[in-house]
Amino acid sequence: MQEPNGQPDQQPSRTPQPNQILAVPATIENCRTDWEAAADVRQTMAQQVAKAAH
């Protein structure tokens, strides 16, 4: 099948890919870094939950 731009439809590869989550060891430092990097995500999620509760 072709896309509207005339290019063939590209199907995603079905070849298993390495899992990046499992590739990194779960050390205390790695967990701390992830936690700190996700502060904005937790804040957004808290705002969405609070908004949905009203």
N, C-alpha and C. Protein backbone atom coordinates (compact mmCIF):
# COMPACT_ATOMS: atom_id res chain seq x y z
N MET A 1 0.84 -1.17 0.00
CA MET A 1 0.00 0.00 0.00
C MET A 1 0.89 1.24 0.00
N GLN A 2 0.39 2.32 -0.59
CA GLN A 2 1.18 3.55 -0.65
C GLN A 2 0.57 4.63 0.22
N GLU A 3 1.44 5.46 0.74
CA GLU A 3 1.03 6.62 1.52
C GLU A 3 0.49 7.68 0.56
N PRO A 4 -0.25 8.69 1.08
CA PRO A 4 -0.75 9.76 0.21
C PRO A 4 0.35 10.50 -0.54
N ASN A 5 1.58 10.48 -0.02
CA ASN A 5 2.68 11.17 -0.70
C ASN A 5 3.30 10.32 -1.79
N GLY A 6 2.75 9.14 -2.04
CA GLY A 6 3.24 8.28 -3.11
C GLY A 6 4.35 7.34 -2.69
N GLN A 7 4.78 7.41 -1.43
CA GLN A 7 5.84 6.54 -0.93
C GLN A 7 5.23 5.24 -0.40
N PRO A 8 5.95 4.13 -0.53
CA PRO A 8 5.44 2.87 0.03
C PRO A 8 5.27 2.97 1.54
N ASP A 9 4.25 2.31 2.05
CA ASP A 9 3.97 2.26 3.48
C ASP A 9 5.10 1.52 4.18
N GLN A 10 5.74 2.15 5.17
CA GLN A 10 6.84 1.53 5.91
C GLN A 10 6.30 0.84 7.15
N GLN A 11 6.51 -0.44 7.26
CA GLN A 11 6.09 -1.21 8.42
C GLN A 11 7.23 -1.21 9.45
N PRO A 12 6.89 -1.15 10.73
CA PRO A 12 7.95 -1.21 11.74
C PRO A 12 8.62 -2.58 11.72
N SER A 13 9.87 -2.59 12.08
CA SER A 13 10.62 -3.84 12.15
C SER A 13 10.04 -4.72 13.26
N ARG A 14 9.91 -5.98 12.99
CA ARG A 14 9.41 -6.92 14.00
C ARG A 14 10.57 -7.65 14.69
N THR A 15 11.78 -7.22 14.38
CA THR A 15 12.96 -7.81 15.01
C THR A 15 13.04 -7.32 16.46
N PRO A 16 13.18 -8.22 17.42
CA PRO A 16 13.29 -7.78 18.82
C PRO A 16 14.47 -6.83 19.00
N GLN A 17 14.25 -5.80 19.78
CA GLN A 17 15.28 -4.80 20.06
C GLN A 17 15.73 -4.94 21.50
N PRO A 18 16.98 -4.58 21.79
CA PRO A 18 17.45 -4.65 23.18
C PRO A 18 16.62 -3.71 24.07
N ASN A 19 16.34 -4.13 25.26
CA ASN A 19 15.59 -3.34 26.21
C ASN A 19 16.56 -2.43 26.97
N GLN A 20 16.46 -1.12 26.73
CA GLN A 20 17.38 -0.19 27.36
C GLN A 20 17.18 -0.09 28.86
N ILE A 21 15.98 -0.36 29.33
CA ILE A 21 15.74 -0.31 30.77
C ILE A 21 16.52 -1.42 31.47
N LEU A 22 16.50 -2.60 30.86
CA LEU A 22 17.21 -3.72 31.47
C LEU A 22 18.72 -3.66 31.24
N ALA A 23 19.16 -2.86 30.28
CA ALA A 23 20.57 -2.77 29.95
C ALA A 23 21.35 -1.95 30.98
N VAL A 24 20.66 -1.11 31.75
CA VAL A 24 21.32 -0.24 32.73
C VAL A 24 21.13 -0.83 34.12
N PRO A 25 22.19 -1.02 34.88
CA PRO A 25 22.04 -1.59 36.22
C PRO A 25 21.24 -0.66 37.14
N ALA A 26 20.45 -1.24 38.01
CA ALA A 26 19.61 -0.48 38.94
C ALA A 26 20.40 -0.15 40.20
N THR A 27 21.36 0.74 40.05
CA THR A 27 22.14 1.16 41.21
C THR A 27 21.42 2.30 41.91
N ILE A 28 21.81 2.57 43.13
CA ILE A 28 21.20 3.68 43.87
C ILE A 28 21.42 4.99 43.12
N GLU A 29 22.61 5.19 42.59
CA GLU A 29 22.91 6.43 41.86
C GLU A 29 22.05 6.56 40.60
N ASN A 30 21.91 5.46 39.84
CA ASN A 30 21.07 5.52 38.63
C ASN A 30 19.62 5.80 38.98
N CYS A 31 19.13 5.20 40.06
CA CYS A 31 17.76 5.45 40.49
C CYS A 31 17.58 6.90 40.93
N ARG A 32 18.55 7.42 41.67
CA ARG A 32 18.49 8.82 42.10
C ARG A 32 18.47 9.76 40.90
N THR A 33 19.30 9.48 39.92
CA THR A 33 19.35 10.32 38.71
C THR A 33 18.01 10.29 37.98
N ASP A 34 17.43 9.11 37.83
CA ASP A 34 16.12 8.99 37.18
C ASP A 34 15.06 9.75 37.95
N TRP A 35 15.06 9.61 39.28
CA TRP A 35 14.07 10.28 40.13
C TRP A 35 14.18 11.80 39.97
N GLU A 36 15.39 12.32 40.01
CA GLU A 36 15.60 13.76 39.88
C GLU A 36 15.20 14.25 38.49
N ALA A 37 15.48 13.47 37.47
CA ALA A 37 15.17 13.87 36.10
C ALA A 37 13.67 13.88 35.83
N ALA A 38 12.90 13.15 36.63
CA ALA A 38 11.46 13.04 36.39
C ALA A 38 10.62 13.95 37.27
N ALA A 39 11.23 14.91 37.93
CA ALA A 39 10.47 15.81 38.81
C ALA A 39 9.36 16.51 38.06
N ASP A 40 9.61 16.97 36.84
CA ASP A 40 8.59 17.67 36.07
C ASP A 40 7.44 16.73 35.69
N VAL A 41 7.75 15.47 35.44
CA VAL A 41 6.71 14.49 35.10
C VAL A 41 5.80 14.25 36.30
N ARG A 42 6.40 14.11 37.49
CA ARG A 42 5.60 13.91 38.69
C ARG A 42 4.73 15.12 38.99
N GLN A 43 5.26 16.30 38.76
CA GLN A 43 4.49 17.52 38.99
C GLN A 43 3.31 17.61 38.03
N THR A 44 3.54 17.33 36.77
CA THR A 44 2.47 17.35 35.78
C THR A 44 1.41 16.32 36.12
N MET A 45 1.84 15.13 36.50
CA MET A 45 0.89 14.07 36.84
C MET A 45 0.05 14.47 38.06
N ALA A 46 0.67 15.07 39.06
CA ALA A 46 -0.06 15.51 40.25
C ALA A 46 -1.10 16.57 39.89
N GLN A 47 -0.76 17.48 39.00
CA GLN A 47 -1.70 18.50 38.55
C GLN A 47 -2.88 17.88 37.81
N GLN A 48 -2.61 16.89 36.96
CA GLN A 48 -3.66 16.24 36.21
C GLN A 48 -4.59 15.46 37.13
N VAL A 49 -4.02 14.79 38.13
CA VAL A 49 -4.85 14.04 39.08
C VAL A 49 -5.72 14.99 39.88
N ALA A 50 -5.14 16.10 40.33
CA ALA A 50 -5.90 17.08 41.10
C ALA A 50 -7.02 17.68 40.25
N LYS A 51 -6.75 17.95 39.00
CA LYS A 51 -7.76 18.53 38.11
C LYS A 51 -8.88 17.52 37.84
N ALA A 52 -8.53 16.25 37.69
CA ALA A 52 -9.53 15.22 37.42
C ALA A 52 -10.40 14.96 38.65
N ALA A 53 -9.86 15.21 39.83
CA ALA A 53 -10.62 14.96 41.06
C ALA A 53 -11.70 16.01 41.30
N HIS A 54 -11.61 17.12 40.63
CA HIS A 54 -12.62 18.20 40.84
C HIS A 54 -13.69 18.14 39.84
